[in-house]
N, C-alpha and C. Protein backbone atom coordinates (compact mmCIF):
# COMPACT_ATOMS: atom_id res chain seq x y z
N MET A 1 8.46 -20.52 0.82
CA MET A 1 8.02 -20.50 2.21
C MET A 1 7.79 -22.19 2.11
N LYS A 2 6.94 -22.85 1.01
CA LYS A 2 6.04 -23.86 0.47
C LYS A 2 7.58 -24.78 0.56
N LYS A 3 8.59 -24.30 -0.13
CA LYS A 3 10.15 -25.22 0.44
C LYS A 3 10.42 -26.00 2.05
N ILE A 4 9.91 -25.25 2.18
CA ILE A 4 10.51 -25.30 3.79
C ILE A 4 9.21 -25.91 4.98
N GLY A 5 8.08 -25.86 4.11
CA GLY A 5 6.81 -26.56 4.54
C GLY A 5 5.82 -25.69 5.08
N VAL A 6 6.37 -24.71 4.80
CA VAL A 6 5.47 -23.45 5.59
C VAL A 6 3.95 -23.02 4.41
N ASP A 7 2.94 -22.85 4.51
CA ASP A 7 1.83 -22.33 3.24
C ASP A 7 1.23 -21.41 3.77
N LEU A 8 1.60 -20.55 3.02
CA LEU A 8 1.38 -18.99 3.12
C LEU A 8 -0.04 -19.02 2.48
N SER A 9 -0.82 -19.58 1.60
CA SER A 9 -1.86 -19.27 0.91
C SER A 9 -2.97 -18.99 1.55
N GLY A 10 -3.23 -19.15 2.59
CA GLY A 10 -4.11 -18.66 3.30
C GLY A 10 -3.89 -17.00 4.19
N HIS A 11 -3.17 -16.74 4.03
CA HIS A 11 -2.39 -15.37 4.49
C HIS A 11 -2.56 -14.31 3.81
N ARG A 12 -2.04 -12.80 4.40
CA ARG A 12 -2.27 -11.87 3.55
C ARG A 12 -1.83 -11.08 4.40
N SER A 13 -1.69 -9.64 3.87
CA SER A 13 -1.36 -8.44 4.53
C SER A 13 -2.67 -8.11 5.63
N LYS A 14 -2.13 -7.45 6.85
CA LYS A 14 -2.97 -6.81 7.61
C LYS A 14 -2.52 -5.26 7.53
N SER A 15 -3.56 -4.67 8.66
CA SER A 15 -3.63 -3.52 8.55
C SER A 15 -3.45 -3.64 10.29
N ILE A 16 -2.87 -2.66 11.16
CA ILE A 16 -2.64 -2.44 12.52
C ILE A 16 -4.09 -2.48 12.87
N ALA A 17 -5.13 -1.60 12.04
CA ALA A 17 -6.13 -1.32 12.78
C ALA A 17 -6.84 -2.46 12.93
N GLU A 18 -6.58 -3.41 12.69
CA GLU A 18 -7.75 -5.05 12.70
C GLU A 18 -6.98 -5.21 13.79
N PHE A 19 -6.04 -4.78 14.85
CA PHE A 19 -5.62 -5.42 15.93
C PHE A 19 -5.81 -4.70 17.17
N ALA A 20 -6.85 -3.72 17.05
CA ALA A 20 -6.94 -2.46 17.91
C ALA A 20 -7.57 -3.20 19.24
N ASP A 21 -8.39 -3.94 19.04
CA ASP A 21 -8.95 -4.36 20.29
C ASP A 21 -8.35 -5.64 20.81
N THR A 22 -6.61 -6.08 20.36
CA THR A 22 -6.33 -7.21 20.31
C THR A 22 -5.25 -7.27 21.11
N GLU A 23 -4.59 -8.04 22.19
CA GLU A 23 -3.88 -7.71 23.46
C GLU A 23 -2.39 -8.41 22.43
N ILE A 24 -1.31 -8.10 22.11
CA ILE A 24 -0.60 -8.96 21.73
C ILE A 24 0.93 -9.07 22.34
N ASP A 25 1.40 -10.55 22.19
CA ASP A 25 2.87 -10.13 23.47
C ASP A 25 4.02 -10.35 22.48
N TYR A 26 3.41 -10.40 21.50
CA TYR A 26 4.73 -10.06 21.23
C TYR A 26 5.01 -9.29 19.87
N ALA A 27 5.66 -8.13 19.54
CA ALA A 27 4.98 -7.54 18.31
C ALA A 27 6.62 -7.60 17.60
N VAL A 28 6.56 -8.32 16.61
CA VAL A 28 8.16 -8.44 16.01
C VAL A 28 8.58 -7.97 14.38
N THR A 29 9.28 -6.47 14.35
CA THR A 29 9.89 -6.07 12.83
C THR A 29 11.11 -6.76 12.53
N VAL A 30 11.46 -7.11 11.03
CA VAL A 30 12.08 -7.68 10.75
C VAL A 30 13.28 -6.95 9.73
N CYS A 31 12.00 -5.65 9.10
CA CYS A 31 13.16 -5.05 8.11
C CYS A 31 13.08 -3.39 8.84
N ASP A 32 13.98 -2.49 8.33
CA ASP A 32 13.93 -1.43 8.92
C ASP A 32 13.11 -0.66 8.78
N SER A 33 12.81 -0.77 7.11
CA SER A 33 11.19 -0.45 6.47
C SER A 33 9.96 -0.22 7.42
N ALA A 34 9.55 -1.37 7.87
CA ALA A 34 9.05 -2.07 9.21
C ALA A 34 8.73 -0.99 10.13
N ARG A 35 9.99 -1.20 10.82
CA ARG A 35 10.21 -0.70 11.73
C ARG A 35 10.04 1.10 11.85
N GLU A 36 10.68 1.62 11.12
CA GLU A 36 10.08 3.07 10.67
C GLU A 36 9.12 3.41 10.30
N ASN A 37 7.80 2.87 9.52
CA ASN A 37 6.79 2.94 9.34
C ASN A 37 5.68 3.00 10.76
N CYS A 38 6.05 1.44 11.11
CA CYS A 38 4.60 1.00 11.93
C CYS A 38 5.82 0.77 13.49
N PRO A 39 5.86 1.71 14.01
CA PRO A 39 7.03 1.94 15.12
C PRO A 39 6.26 1.15 16.52
N TYR A 40 4.80 1.26 16.79
CA TYR A 40 4.18 1.63 17.77
C TYR A 40 3.02 0.87 17.24
N PHE A 41 2.87 -0.54 18.20
CA PHE A 41 2.48 -1.57 18.52
C PHE A 41 1.30 -1.23 19.98
N PRO A 42 0.29 -0.26 19.79
CA PRO A 42 -0.54 -0.13 21.54
C PRO A 42 -1.00 -1.20 22.01
N ASN A 43 -0.77 -2.68 21.68
CA ASN A 43 -1.61 -3.40 22.66
C ASN A 43 -0.78 -4.57 22.90
N ALA A 44 0.87 -3.93 22.33
CA ALA A 44 2.15 -5.23 22.09
C ALA A 44 2.35 -4.86 23.72
N ARG A 45 2.69 -5.96 24.43
CA ARG A 45 3.55 -6.46 25.65
C ARG A 45 4.99 -6.55 25.25
N VAL A 46 5.27 -6.56 24.07
CA VAL A 46 6.79 -6.66 24.34
C VAL A 46 7.15 -6.00 22.33
N MET A 47 7.97 -4.78 22.44
CA MET A 47 8.40 -5.04 20.67
C MET A 47 9.37 -5.38 20.60
N ILE A 48 9.65 -6.04 19.63
CA ILE A 48 11.26 -6.72 19.62
C ILE A 48 11.83 -6.56 18.12
N HIS A 49 12.79 -5.95 17.61
CA HIS A 49 13.16 -5.56 16.46
C HIS A 49 14.35 -5.90 15.98
N HIS A 50 14.79 -7.00 15.11
CA HIS A 50 15.76 -7.02 14.78
C HIS A 50 15.62 -7.28 12.67
N GLY A 51 16.61 -6.77 12.37
CA GLY A 51 16.78 -5.96 11.02
C GLY A 51 17.34 -6.87 10.10
N PHE A 52 17.03 -7.53 8.95
CA PHE A 52 17.28 -8.00 8.12
C PHE A 52 17.73 -7.20 6.69
N SER A 53 18.20 -7.52 5.62
CA SER A 53 18.16 -7.22 4.48
C SER A 53 17.22 -6.84 3.53
N ASP A 54 16.23 -6.04 2.91
CA ASP A 54 15.24 -6.74 2.23
C ASP A 54 15.36 -7.64 0.87
N PRO A 55 14.94 -8.68 0.67
CA PRO A 55 15.16 -8.95 -0.52
C PRO A 55 14.49 -9.23 -1.92
N ALA A 56 13.68 -8.08 -1.40
CA ALA A 56 12.83 -7.14 -2.62
C ALA A 56 13.89 -6.66 -3.40
N ALA A 57 14.92 -5.64 -2.72
CA ALA A 57 15.89 -5.26 -3.31
C ALA A 57 16.77 -5.56 -4.09
N ALA A 58 16.88 -6.97 -4.23
CA ALA A 58 17.70 -7.81 -5.07
C ALA A 58 17.38 -7.18 -6.24
N SER A 59 18.95 -7.70 -7.02
CA SER A 59 18.53 -7.71 -8.73
C SER A 59 19.27 -8.88 -8.84
N GLY A 60 18.84 -8.78 -10.37
CA GLY A 60 20.00 -9.53 -11.08
C GLY A 60 18.51 -10.98 -11.72
N SER A 61 19.19 -12.01 -12.09
CA SER A 61 18.06 -13.31 -12.56
C SER A 61 17.56 -13.30 -11.37
N GLU A 62 16.48 -14.65 -12.32
CA GLU A 62 14.92 -14.79 -11.26
C GLU A 62 15.79 -15.81 -10.30
N GLU A 63 16.59 -16.81 -10.69
CA GLU A 63 17.78 -17.80 -9.80
C GLU A 63 18.39 -16.75 -8.52
N VAL A 64 18.84 -15.64 -8.90
CA VAL A 64 19.65 -14.82 -8.32
C VAL A 64 18.90 -14.24 -7.16
N ILE A 65 17.61 -13.53 -7.57
CA ILE A 65 16.44 -12.77 -6.60
C ILE A 65 15.90 -13.94 -5.56
N LEU A 66 15.49 -15.07 -6.05
CA LEU A 66 15.20 -16.67 -5.30
C LEU A 66 16.55 -16.45 -4.45
N ALA A 67 17.25 -16.53 -4.25
CA ALA A 67 18.78 -17.00 -3.56
C ALA A 67 18.60 -16.03 -2.71
N GLU A 68 18.37 -14.67 -2.71
CA GLU A 68 18.18 -13.43 -1.93
C GLU A 68 17.42 -13.74 -0.93
N PHE A 69 15.80 -14.14 -1.38
CA PHE A 69 14.56 -14.47 -0.86
C PHE A 69 14.63 -15.55 0.28
N GLU A 70 15.43 -16.80 -0.07
CA GLU A 70 15.83 -17.88 0.76
C GLU A 70 16.97 -17.72 1.59
N ARG A 71 17.58 -17.00 1.23
CA ARG A 71 18.67 -16.97 2.49
C ARG A 71 18.39 -15.75 3.43
N VAL A 72 17.94 -14.43 2.93
CA VAL A 72 17.28 -14.20 3.90
C VAL A 72 16.05 -14.76 5.10
N ARG A 73 15.01 -15.82 4.59
CA ARG A 73 14.12 -16.35 4.93
C ARG A 73 15.00 -16.97 6.30
N ASP A 74 16.02 -18.22 5.45
CA ASP A 74 16.64 -18.70 6.56
C ASP A 74 17.54 -18.25 7.88
N LYS A 75 17.92 -16.73 7.70
CA LYS A 75 18.31 -15.77 8.70
C LYS A 75 17.35 -15.95 9.42
N ILE A 76 16.41 -15.49 9.14
CA ILE A 76 15.13 -14.87 9.94
C ILE A 76 14.52 -16.47 10.61
N GLN A 77 14.56 -17.11 10.02
CA GLN A 77 14.27 -18.67 10.91
C GLN A 77 15.19 -18.89 11.79
N ALA A 78 16.62 -18.48 11.50
CA ALA A 78 17.44 -19.08 12.01
C ALA A 78 17.45 -18.18 13.87
N TRP A 79 17.03 -17.30 13.52
CA TRP A 79 17.19 -15.52 14.83
C TRP A 79 15.85 -16.07 15.77
N ILE A 80 14.89 -16.57 15.14
CA ILE A 80 13.35 -16.84 15.70
C ILE A 80 13.88 -18.42 16.08
N GLU A 81 14.64 -19.26 16.07
CA GLU A 81 14.66 -20.15 16.49
C GLU A 81 15.79 -19.98 17.83
N ALA A 82 17.00 -18.91 17.30
CA ALA A 82 17.70 -18.58 18.77
C ALA A 82 17.50 -17.88 19.52
N ALA A 83 16.74 -17.19 18.97
CA ALA A 83 15.91 -16.31 20.29
C ALA A 83 14.51 -17.19 21.26
N VAL A 84 13.81 -17.81 20.91
CA VAL A 84 12.62 -18.64 21.62
C VAL A 84 13.83 -19.44 22.30
N LEU A 85 15.31 -20.15 21.91
CA LEU A 85 16.17 -21.44 23.08
C LEU A 85 16.48 -20.06 23.67
N ASN A 86 16.55 -19.04 23.49
CA ASN A 86 17.50 -18.47 24.59
C ASN A 86 16.24 -17.53 25.54
N GLY A 87 15.33 -17.62 25.20
CA GLY A 87 14.11 -16.94 26.17
C GLY A 87 13.68 -15.47 25.66
N VAL A 88 14.16 -15.17 25.07
CA VAL A 88 13.82 -13.76 24.07
C VAL A 88 12.27 -13.41 23.85
N ILE A 89 11.84 -14.62 22.92
CA ILE A 89 10.77 -14.36 22.87
C ILE A 89 9.94 -16.07 22.59
């Protein structure tokens, strides 16, 4: 993500329990595993799912694995940009 100017150093995975009292406009899942394991966000106004391949499942050299992460990252970015342009989110 740093390569495209996004700093994730202060980010961490969070439990859904942390959002129990928070209204959420959009809950977006981008992998089928997330959709299967957390299909319900009680305070989300809109649930959106768009599946992408899981880059963590990539195998091969470090370069091949990194390329897969970058490919999926770019696909997610393009999907979000299109969704915003089309008023989906």
